[in-house]
C-alpha atoms as a PDB file:
ATOM      1  CA  MET A   1      23.163   0.136 -16.007  1.00  0.00           C
ATOM      2  CA  LEU A   2      21.715   3.574 -16.740  1.00  0.00           C
ATOM      3  CA  LYS A   3      18.691   2.155 -18.576  1.00  0.00           C
ATOM      4  CA  LEU A   4      18.012  -0.291 -15.752  1.00  0.00           C
ATOM      5  CA  ALA A   5      18.293   2.435 -13.115  1.00  0.00           C
ATOM      6  CA  ILE A   6      16.035   4.855 -15.014  1.00  0.00           C
ATOM      7  CA  LEU A   7      13.366   2.192 -15.513  1.00  0.00           C
ATOM      8  CA  GLY A   8      13.710   1.061 -11.900  1.00  0.00           C
ATOM      9  CA  PHE A   9      13.281   4.517 -10.411  1.00  0.00           C
ATOM     10  CA  LEU A  10      10.347   5.285 -12.700  1.00  0.00           C
ATOM     11  CA  HIS A  11       8.752   1.987 -11.653  1.00  0.00           C
ATOM     12  CA  ASP A  12       8.835   3.368  -8.108  1.00  0.00           C
ATOM     13  CA  ARG A  13       7.085   6.593  -9.127  1.00  0.00           C
ATOM     14  CA  PRO A  14       6.992   9.232 -11.879  1.00  0.00           C
ATOM     15  CA  LEU A  15       9.855  11.726 -11.670  1.00  0.00           C
ATOM     16  CA  HIS A  16      11.039  14.771 -13.540  1.00  0.00           C
ATOM     17  CA  GLY A  17      14.561  14.777 -14.969  1.00  0.00           C
ATOM     18  CA  TYR A  18      16.192  16.649 -12.105  1.00  0.00           C
ATOM     19  CA  GLN A  19      14.731  14.281  -9.511  1.00  0.00           C
ATOM     20  CA  LEU A  20      15.780  11.293 -11.593  1.00  0.00           C
ATOM     21  CA  ARG A  21      19.356  12.585 -11.869  1.00  0.00           C
ATOM     22  CA  ARG A  22      19.513  13.063  -8.071  1.00  0.00           C
ATOM     23  CA  HIS A  23      18.251   9.514  -7.505  1.00  0.00           C
ATOM     24  CA  LEU A  24      20.776   8.134  -9.996  1.00  0.00           C
ATOM     25  CA  ALA A  25      23.619  10.067  -8.367  1.00  0.00           C
ATOM     26  CA  ALA A  26      22.615   8.738  -4.949  1.00  0.00           C
ATOM     27  CA  LEU A  27      22.629   5.164  -6.244  1.00  0.00           C
ATOM     28  CA  THR A  28      25.877   5.341  -8.205  1.00  0.00           C
ATOM     29  CA  GLY A  29      27.621   7.788  -5.884  1.00  0.00           C
ATOM     30  CA  HIS A  30      30.749   9.631  -6.797  1.00  0.00           C
ATOM     31  CA  VAL A  31      32.075   6.673  -8.782  1.00  0.00           C
ATOM     32  CA  ARG A  32      29.912   7.265 -11.832  1.00  0.00           C
ATOM     33  CA  PRO A  33      28.245  10.675 -11.785  1.00  0.00           C
ATOM     34  CA  ILE A  34      25.523  11.113 -14.370  1.00  0.00           C
ATOM     35  CA  SER A  35      25.794  14.233 -16.524  1.00  0.00           C
ATOM     36  CA  ASP A  36      22.918  15.847 -18.376  1.00  0.00           C
ATOM     37  CA  GLY A  37      24.722  14.934 -21.604  1.00  0.00           C
ATOM     38  CA  THR A  38      24.378  11.273 -20.662  1.00  0.00           C
ATOM     39  CA  LEU A  39      21.004  11.277 -18.916  1.00  0.00           C
ATOM     40  CA  TYR A  40      18.816  13.218 -21.336  1.00  0.00           C
ATOM     41  CA  PRO A  41      19.844  11.316 -24.484  1.00  0.00           C
ATOM     42  CA  ALA A  42      19.161   8.071 -22.574  1.00  0.00           C
ATOM     43  CA  ILE A  43      15.723   9.386 -21.607  1.00  0.00           C
ATOM     44  CA  LYS A  44      15.017  10.335 -25.242  1.00  0.00           C
ATOM     45  CA  ARG A  45      16.008   6.826 -26.417  1.00  0.00           C
ATOM     46  CA  LEU A  46      13.764   5.195 -23.809  1.00  0.00           C
ATOM     47  CA  GLU A  47      10.949   7.527 -24.832  1.00  0.00           C
ATOM     48  CA  SER A  48      11.392   6.773 -28.543  1.00  0.00           C
ATOM     49  CA  ASP A  49      11.446   3.043 -27.683  1.00  0.00           C
ATOM     50  CA  GLY A  50       8.063   3.487 -25.996  1.00  0.00           C
ATOM     51  CA  LEU A  51       9.389   2.602 -22.535  1.00  0.00           C
ATOM     52  CA  LEU A  52       8.535   5.924 -20.930  1.00  0.00           C
ATOM     53  CA  VAL A  53       6.424   8.982 -21.660  1.00  0.00           C
ATOM     54  CA  ARG A  54       6.666  12.634 -20.642  1.00  0.00           C
ATOM     55  CA  GLU A  55       3.659  14.382 -19.209  1.00  0.00           C
ATOM     56  CA  THR A  56       3.539  18.134 -18.712  1.00  0.00           C
ATOM     57  CA  GLU A  57       2.558  19.283 -15.243  1.00  0.00           C
ATOM     58  CA  PRO A  58       2.313  22.798 -13.848  1.00  0.00           C
ATOM     59  CA  GLY A  59       5.569  23.993 -12.305  1.00  0.00           C
ATOM     60  CA  SER A  60       5.750  25.076  -8.697  1.00  0.00           C
ATOM     61  CA  ALA A  61       6.934  28.579  -9.659  1.00  0.00           C
ATOM     62  CA  ALA A  62       6.232  29.330 -13.310  1.00  0.00           C
ATOM     63  CA  ALA A  63       7.369  27.019 -16.083  1.00  0.00           C
ATOM     64  CA  PRO A  64       5.640  23.684 -16.578  1.00  0.00           C
ATOM     65  CA  ARG A  65       7.650  20.558 -15.740  1.00  0.00           C
ATOM     66  CA  HIS A  66       7.939  17.384 -17.745  1.00  0.00           C
ATOM     67  CA  THR A  67       7.397  14.364 -15.562  1.00  0.00           C
ATOM     68  CA  LEU A  68       8.589  10.977 -16.771  1.00  0.00           C
ATOM     69  CA  HIS A  69       6.238   8.011 -16.454  1.00  0.00           C
ATOM     70  CA  LEU A  70       6.982   4.362 -17.108  1.00  0.00           C
ATOM     71  CA  THR A  71       4.808   2.706 -19.758  1.00  0.00           C
ATOM     72  CA  ASP A  72       3.583  -0.890 -19.629  1.00  0.00           C
ATOM     73  CA  ALA A  73       6.337  -1.735 -22.143  1.00  0.00           C
ATOM     74  CA  GLY A  74       8.880  -0.025 -19.882  1.00  0.00           C
ATOM     75  CA  ARG A  75       7.665  -2.011 -16.899  1.00  0.00           C
ATOM     76  CA  ALA A  76       7.940  -5.240 -18.901  1.00  0.00           C
ATOM     77  CA  ALA A  77      11.454  -4.295 -20.104  1.00  0.00           C
ATOM     78  CA  LEU A  78      12.540  -3.614 -16.516  1.00  0.00           C
ATOM     79  CA  LEU A  79      11.196  -6.922 -15.244  1.00  0.00           C
ATOM     80  CA  ASP A  80      12.812  -8.833 -18.130  1.00  0.00           C
ATOM     81  CA  ARG A  81      16.159  -7.168 -17.419  1.00  0.00           C
ATOM     82  CA  LEU A  82      15.857  -8.024 -13.720  1.00  0.00           C
ATOM     83  CA  ARG A  83      15.033 -11.654 -14.486  1.00  0.00           C
ATOM     84  CA  THR A  84      18.016 -12.045 -16.818  1.00  0.00           C
ATOM     85  CA  PRO A  85      20.726  -9.509 -15.994  1.00  0.00           C
ATOM     86  CA  ASP A  86      23.817  -9.430 -18.208  1.00  0.00           C
ATOM     87  CA  ASP A  87      26.926 -11.217 -16.974  1.00  0.00           C
ATOM     88  CA  LEU A  88      28.528  -7.821 -16.364  1.00  0.00           C
ATOM     89  CA  ASP A  89      25.535  -6.883 -14.181  1.00  0.00           C
ATOM     90  CA  ILE A  90      26.397  -9.894 -12.025  1.00  0.00           C
ATOM     91  CA  SER A  91      30.185  -9.436 -11.895  1.00  0.00           C
ATOM     92  CA  ASP A  92      30.595  -5.641 -11.672  1.00  0.00           C
ATOM     93  CA  GLU A  93      29.858  -4.448  -8.141  1.00  0.00           C
ATOM     94  CA  ASN A  94      28.317  -1.103  -9.133  1.00  0.00           C
ATOM     95  CA  ARG A  95      26.099  -2.712 -11.747  1.00  0.00           C
ATOM     96  CA  TRP A  96      25.209  -5.479  -9.260  1.00  0.00           C
ATOM     97  CA  PHE A  97      24.074  -2.887  -6.729  1.00  0.00           C
ATOM     98  CA  THR A  98      21.802  -1.394  -9.398  1.00  0.00           C
ATOM     99  CA  VAL A  99      20.239  -4.819  -9.995  1.00  0.00           C
ATOM    100  CA  LEU A 100      19.806  -5.292  -6.246  1.00  0.00           C
ATOM    101  CA  ALA A 101      18.229  -1.851  -5.863  1.00  0.00           C
ATOM    102  CA  PHE A 102      15.322  -2.940  -8.048  1.00  0.00           C
ATOM    103  CA  LEU A 103      15.187  -6.744  -7.673  1.00  0.00           C
ATOM    104  CA  ARG A 104      12.243  -6.274  -5.289  1.00  0.00           C
ATOM    105  CA  HIS A 105      10.155  -5.346  -8.320  1.00  0.00           C
ATOM    106  CA  LEU A 106      10.085  -9.066  -9.096  1.00  0.00           C
ATOM    107  CA  HIS A 107       7.780  -9.449  -6.080  1.00  0.00           C
ATOM    108  CA  GLY A 108       5.727 -12.582  -6.403  1.00  0.00           C
ATOM    109  CA  GLU A 109       8.601 -14.199  -8.324  1.00  0.00           C
ATOM    110  CA  PRO A 110      10.870 -15.618  -5.613  1.00  0.00           C
ATOM    111  CA  ASN A 111      12.287 -18.221  -8.010  1.00  0.00           C
ATOM    112  CA  ALA A 112      13.370 -15.490 -10.429  1.00  0.00           C
ATOM    113  CA  GLN A 113      14.898 -13.468  -7.602  1.00  0.00           C
ATOM    114  CA  ALA A 114      16.690 -16.558  -6.289  1.00  0.00           C
ATOM    115  CA  ALA A 115      18.039 -17.394  -9.756  1.00  0.00           C
ATOM    116  CA  VAL A 116      19.673 -13.957  -9.961  1.00  0.00           C
ATOM    117  CA  LEU A 117      21.136 -14.316  -6.466  1.00  0.00           C
ATOM    118  CA  ARG A 118      22.473 -17.795  -7.315  1.00  0.00           C
ATOM    119  CA  ARG A 119      24.303 -16.330 -10.310  1.00  0.00           C
ATOM    120  CA  ARG A 120      26.009 -13.788  -8.053  1.00  0.00           C
ATOM    121  CA  LEU A 121      26.787 -16.512  -5.501  1.00  0.00           C
ATOM    122  CA  ALA A 122      28.409 -18.636  -8.210  1.00  0.00           C
ATOM    123  CA  PHE A 123      30.443 -15.652  -9.398  1.00  0.00           C
ATOM    124  CA  LEU A 124      31.677 -14.852  -5.880  1.00  0.00           C
ATOM    125  CA  SER A 125      32.496 -18.508  -5.210  1.00  0.00           C
ATOM    126  CA  GLU A 126      35.108 -18.566  -7.993  1.00  0.00           C
ATOM    127  CA  PRO A 127      38.660 -17.978  -6.754  1.00  0.00           C
ATOM    128  CA  ALA A 128      39.858 -14.529  -7.761  1.00  0.00           C
ATOM    129  CA  SER A 129      42.378 -11.866  -6.873  1.00  0.00           C
ATOM    130  CA  PHE A 130      43.259  -8.388  -7.988  1.00  0.00           C
ATOM    131  CA  PHE A 131      46.914  -9.379  -8.228  1.00  0.00           C
ATOM    132  CA  TYR A 132      48.698 -12.331  -9.827  1.00  0.00           C
ATOM    133  CA  ASP A 133      52.140 -13.894  -9.826  1.00  0.00           C
ATOM    134  CA  GLY A 134      52.126 -15.115 -13.399  1.00  0.00           C
ATOM    135  CA  GLU A 135      48.918 -17.139 -13.633  1.00  0.00           C
ATOM    136  CA  ARG A 136      48.602 -17.741  -9.883  1.00  0.00           C
ATOM    137  CA  PRO A 137      46.405 -15.396  -7.803  1.00  0.00           C
ATOM    138  CA  VAL A 138      48.223 -13.774  -4.883  1.00  0.00           C
ATOM    139  CA  GLY A 139      46.430 -13.704  -1.522  1.00  0.00           C
ATOM    140  CA  ALA A 140      46.611 -11.049   1.188  1.00  0.00           C
ATOM    141  CA  GLU A 141      48.884 -13.202   3.347  1.00  0.00           C
ATOM    142  CA  GLU A 142      51.483 -13.308   0.564  1.00  0.00           C
ATOM    143  CA  MET A 143      51.341  -9.609  -0.223  1.00  0.00           C
ATOM    144  CA  ASP A 144      54.351  -7.528   0.889  1.00  0.00           C
ATOM    145  CA  ASP A 145      52.802  -4.232  -0.191  1.00  0.00           C
ATOM    146  CA  PRO A 146      50.613  -3.038   2.730  1.00  0.00           C
ATOM    147  CA  PHE A 147      48.302  -1.093   0.418  1.00  0.00           C
ATOM    148  CA  ARG A 148      47.646  -3.999  -1.909  1.00  0.00           C
ATOM    149  CA  ARG A 149      47.233  -6.232   1.148  1.00  0.00           C
ATOM    150  CA  GLY A 150      44.627  -3.712   2.339  1.00  0.00           C
ATOM    151  CA  ILE A 151      42.745  -3.993  -0.948  1.00  0.00           C
ATOM    152  CA  LEU A 152      42.683  -7.771  -0.638  1.00  0.00           C
ATOM    153  CA  LEU A 153      41.631  -7.758   3.030  1.00  0.00           C
ATOM    154  CA  ILE A 154      38.840  -5.250   2.396  1.00  0.00           C
ATOM    155  CA  ALA A 155      37.638  -7.240  -0.620  1.00  0.00           C
ATOM    156  CA  ARG A 156      37.702 -10.464   1.416  1.00  0.00           C
ATOM    157  CA  ALA A 157      35.620  -8.900   4.198  1.00  0.00           C
ATOM    158  CA  THR A 158      33.143  -7.388   1.753  1.00  0.00           C
ATOM    159  CA  THR A 159      32.808 -10.651  -0.152  1.00  0.00           C
ATOM    160  CA  GLY A 160      32.355 -12.586   3.097  1.00  0.00           C
ATOM    161  CA  ALA A 161      29.547 -10.278   4.196  1.00  0.00           C
ATOM    162  CA  GLU A 162      27.875 -10.536   0.796  1.00  0.00           C
ATOM    163  CA  LEU A 163      28.149 -14.341   0.757  1.00  0.00           C
ATOM    164  CA  THR A 164      26.520 -14.504   4.191  1.00  0.00           C
ATOM    165  CA  TRP A 165      23.694 -12.235   3.033  1.00  0.00           C
ATOM    166  CA  LEU A 166      23.228 -14.125  -0.254  1.00  0.00           C
ATOM    167  CA  ARG A 167      22.963 -17.514   1.475  1.00  0.00           C
ATOM    168  CA  ALA A 168      20.503 -16.208   4.089  1.00  0.00           C
ATOM    169  CA  THR A 169      18.360 -14.455   1.499  1.00  0.00           C
ATOM    170  CA  LEU A 170      18.316 -17.532  -0.739  1.00  0.00           C
ATOM    171  CA  LEU A 171      17.139 -19.622   2.224  1.00  0.00           C
ATOM    172  CA  ASP A 172      14.389 -17.104   2.909  1.00  0.00           C
ATOM    173  CA  LEU A 173      13.288 -17.134  -0.734  1.00  0.00           C
ATOM    174  CA  GLU A 174      13.349 -20.938  -0.881  1.00  0.00           C
ATOM    175  CA  ASN A 175      11.307 -21.171   2.338  1.00  0.00           C
ATOM    176  CA  GLY A 176       8.749 -18.619   1.163  1.00  0.00           C
ATOM    177  CA  LEU A 177       9.781 -16.034   3.729  1.00  0.00           C
ATOM    178  CA  PRO A 178       9.765 -12.353   2.851  1.00  0.00           C
ATOM    179  CA  SER A 179      13.285 -11.334   1.948  1.00  0.00           C
END
């Protein structure tokens, strides 16, 4: 997820590390804060893989700043990852939101965008629950615990909204309308 987000934000525009960390924190929120100890090694790996480069620019006060720029190889890696996200990118909500944040970069490829959305639609269409009675999923109506019932009702509402959006967006993509 981190690699995808870094490449996605740098596709938008060059950023220095601090800006990138702020963008990442805004996308992932409080759930998965990004520390310097995680971000900078990831940047170094992407740089050594030839997916991004650092360019030195004058600082606003004194010290020069290193701005990160996406390379052509980085752009290609991002687009490949968006075309074929991992199964976990489809099933994990936080990772899915990262894919969605940058899926627009496949502009001009509505079939590729639709294929990704269809994978998420198929995942959400499978019966699931957070809680089970043996092998049988337990629904909100059967739940005695008001807090667990709340989890299930919130998840149902969220999933319903996402399914509505997915179906409408797929129709738009299939009909050549801007999504």
